[in-house]
Amino acid sequence: MEEEIKIDDKFKSAFNLGYRIAEELDLKTLIFENQEKLMPTNPMHLGMKQFIDEAKLSKKKRLDKSLDQKREQRTKWKRGKGLGL
């Protein structure tokens, strides 16, 4: 049996605000030190953390795609060429 989790409107609006702030500031890491102690209780920090995690994942995907394209280009340049003697 699945447990149903209900989120109140205050939590949702604070979470979304934190996400939008992090997006606007283009945060790469959390602002405050020792944020691990604050995050479980503060929905705004959770929203910021969500944005940072998504940004890291997106960057990794772009990097992987870029590396794949470079590999393809290297193999295309070598096709049909002999030893060059």
C-alpha atoms as a PDB file:
ATOM      1  CA  MET A   1       0.000   0.000   0.000  1.00  0.00           C
ATOM      2  CA  GLU A   2       1.441   3.356  -1.049  1.00  0.00           C
ATOM      3  CA  GLU A   3       1.686   6.139   1.457  1.00  0.00           C
ATOM      4  CA  GLU A   4       0.106   9.379   0.324  1.00  0.00           C
ATOM      5  CA  ILE A   5       2.126  12.470   1.154  1.00  0.00           C
ATOM      6  CA  LYS A   6       0.263  15.757   1.354  1.00  0.00           C
ATOM      7  CA  ILE A   7       2.066  19.068   1.081  1.00  0.00           C
ATOM      8  CA  ASP A   8       0.463  22.255   2.294  1.00  0.00           C
ATOM      9  CA  ASP A   9       0.412  25.455   0.245  1.00  0.00           C
ATOM     10  CA  LYS A  10       2.943  27.241   2.487  1.00  0.00           C
ATOM     11  CA  PHE A  11       5.523  24.510   1.949  1.00  0.00           C
ATOM     12  CA  LYS A  12       4.908  24.450  -1.797  1.00  0.00           C
ATOM     13  CA  SER A  13       5.179  28.229  -2.207  1.00  0.00           C
ATOM     14  CA  ALA A  14       8.385  28.386  -0.107  1.00  0.00           C
ATOM     15  CA  PHE A  15       9.895  25.491  -2.077  1.00  0.00           C
ATOM     16  CA  ASN A  16       9.039  27.165  -5.392  1.00  0.00           C
ATOM     17  CA  LEU A  17      10.423  30.487  -4.154  1.00  0.00           C
ATOM     18  CA  GLY A  18      13.705  28.844  -3.214  1.00  0.00           C
ATOM     19  CA  TYR A  19      13.871  27.160  -6.619  1.00  0.00           C
ATOM     20  CA  ARG A  20      13.203  30.429  -8.469  1.00  0.00           C
ATOM     21  CA  ILE A  21      15.768  32.324  -6.392  1.00  0.00           C
ATOM     22  CA  ALA A  22      18.427  29.718  -7.122  1.00  0.00           C
ATOM     23  CA  GLU A  23      17.497  29.791 -10.807  1.00  0.00           C
ATOM     24  CA  GLU A  24      17.677  33.569 -11.006  1.00  0.00           C
ATOM     25  CA  LEU A  25      21.008  33.708  -9.183  1.00  0.00           C
ATOM     26  CA  ASP A  26      22.260  30.708 -11.191  1.00  0.00           C
ATOM     27  CA  LEU A  27      23.557  29.056  -8.035  1.00  0.00           C
ATOM     28  CA  LYS A  28      26.116  26.289  -8.331  1.00  0.00           C
ATOM     29  CA  THR A  29      26.349  25.578  -4.587  1.00  0.00           C
ATOM     30  CA  LEU A  30      24.204  26.431  -1.599  1.00  0.00           C
ATOM     31  CA  ILE A  31      24.692  29.889  -0.123  1.00  0.00           C
ATOM     32  CA  PHE A  32      24.927  29.062   3.563  1.00  0.00           C
ATOM     33  CA  GLU A  33      27.512  26.990   5.395  1.00  0.00           C
ATOM     34  CA  ASN A  34      26.338  24.016   7.441  1.00  0.00           C
ATOM     35  CA  GLN A  35      23.201  23.884   5.312  1.00  0.00           C
ATOM     36  CA  GLU A  36      22.750  20.182   5.994  1.00  0.00           C
ATOM     37  CA  LYS A  37      21.373  21.100   9.413  1.00  0.00           C
ATOM     38  CA  LEU A  38      18.869  23.593   7.948  1.00  0.00           C
ATOM     39  CA  MET A  39      17.684  21.799   4.830  1.00  0.00           C
ATOM     40  CA  PRO A  40      15.382  19.141   6.265  1.00  0.00           C
ATOM     41  CA  THR A  41      13.304  21.780   8.027  1.00  0.00           C
ATOM     42  CA  ASN A  42      13.393  24.646   5.530  1.00  0.00           C
ATOM     43  CA  PRO A  43      11.454  24.205   2.258  1.00  0.00           C
ATOM     44  CA  MET A  44      13.210  27.191   0.651  1.00  0.00           C
ATOM     45  CA  HIS A  45      16.563  25.463   1.043  1.00  0.00           C
ATOM     46  CA  LEU A  46      15.071  22.277  -0.377  1.00  0.00           C
ATOM     47  CA  GLY A  47      13.959  24.229  -3.455  1.00  0.00           C
ATOM     48  CA  MET A  48      17.448  25.676  -3.887  1.00  0.00           C
ATOM     49  CA  LYS A  49      18.977  22.231  -3.501  1.00  0.00           C
ATOM     50  CA  GLN A  50      16.586  20.846  -6.126  1.00  0.00           C
ATOM     51  CA  PHE A  51      17.661  23.497  -8.648  1.00  0.00           C
ATOM     52  CA  ILE A  52      21.367  22.913  -7.961  1.00  0.00           C
ATOM     53  CA  ASP A  53      20.967  19.150  -8.397  1.00  0.00           C
ATOM     54  CA  GLU A  54      19.075  19.609 -11.672  1.00  0.00           C
ATOM     55  CA  ALA A  55      21.671  22.080 -12.950  1.00  0.00           C
ATOM     56  CA  LYS A  56      24.495  19.643 -12.188  1.00  0.00           C
ATOM     57  CA  LEU A  57      22.648  16.830 -13.950  1.00  0.00           C
ATOM     58  CA  SER A  58      21.935  19.039 -16.962  1.00  0.00           C
ATOM     59  CA  LYS A  59      25.585  20.129 -17.174  1.00  0.00           C
ATOM     60  CA  LYS A  60      26.731  16.498 -17.021  1.00  0.00           C
ATOM     61  CA  LYS A  61      24.345  15.541 -19.831  1.00  0.00           C
ATOM     62  CA  ARG A  62      25.579  18.438 -22.009  1.00  0.00           C
ATOM     63  CA  LEU A  63      29.196  17.462 -21.338  1.00  0.00           C
ATOM     64  CA  ASP A  64      28.538  13.815 -22.214  1.00  0.00           C
ATOM     65  CA  LYS A  65      26.788  14.854 -25.433  1.00  0.00           C
ATOM     66  CA  SER A  66      29.673  17.146 -26.339  1.00  0.00           C
ATOM     67  CA  LEU A  67      32.225  14.376 -25.780  1.00  0.00           C
ATOM     68  CA  ASP A  68      30.185  12.003 -27.942  1.00  0.00           C
ATOM     69  CA  GLN A  69      30.107  14.578 -30.759  1.00  0.00           C
ATOM     70  CA  LYS A  70      33.892  15.053 -30.573  1.00  0.00           C
ATOM     71  CA  ARG A  71      34.425  11.293 -30.801  1.00  0.00           C
ATOM     72  CA  GLU A  72      32.215  11.127 -33.887  1.00  0.00           C
ATOM     73  CA  GLN A  73      34.120  13.973 -35.537  1.00  0.00           C
ATOM     74  CA  ARG A  74      37.471  12.281 -34.898  1.00  0.00           C
ATOM     75  CA  THR A  75      36.281   9.069 -36.540  1.00  0.00           C
ATOM     76  CA  LYS A  76      34.847  10.989 -39.526  1.00  0.00           C
ATOM     77  CA  TRP A  77      38.169  12.754 -40.155  1.00  0.00           C
ATOM     78  CA  LYS A  78      40.077   9.461 -40.260  1.00  0.00           C
ATOM     79  CA  ARG A  79      37.768   7.628 -42.651  1.00  0.00           C
ATOM     80  CA  GLY A  80      39.124   6.810 -46.067  1.00  0.00           C
ATOM     81  CA  LYS A  81      42.630   8.033 -45.385  1.00  0.00           C
ATOM     82  CA  GLY A  82      45.551   5.766 -45.817  1.00  0.00           C
ATOM     83  CA  LEU A  83      48.870   5.798 -44.091  1.00  0.00           C
ATOM     84  CA  GLY A  84      49.910   8.979 -45.881  1.00  0.00           C
ATOM     85  CA  LEU A  85      53.147   7.604 -47.238  1.00  0.00           C
END
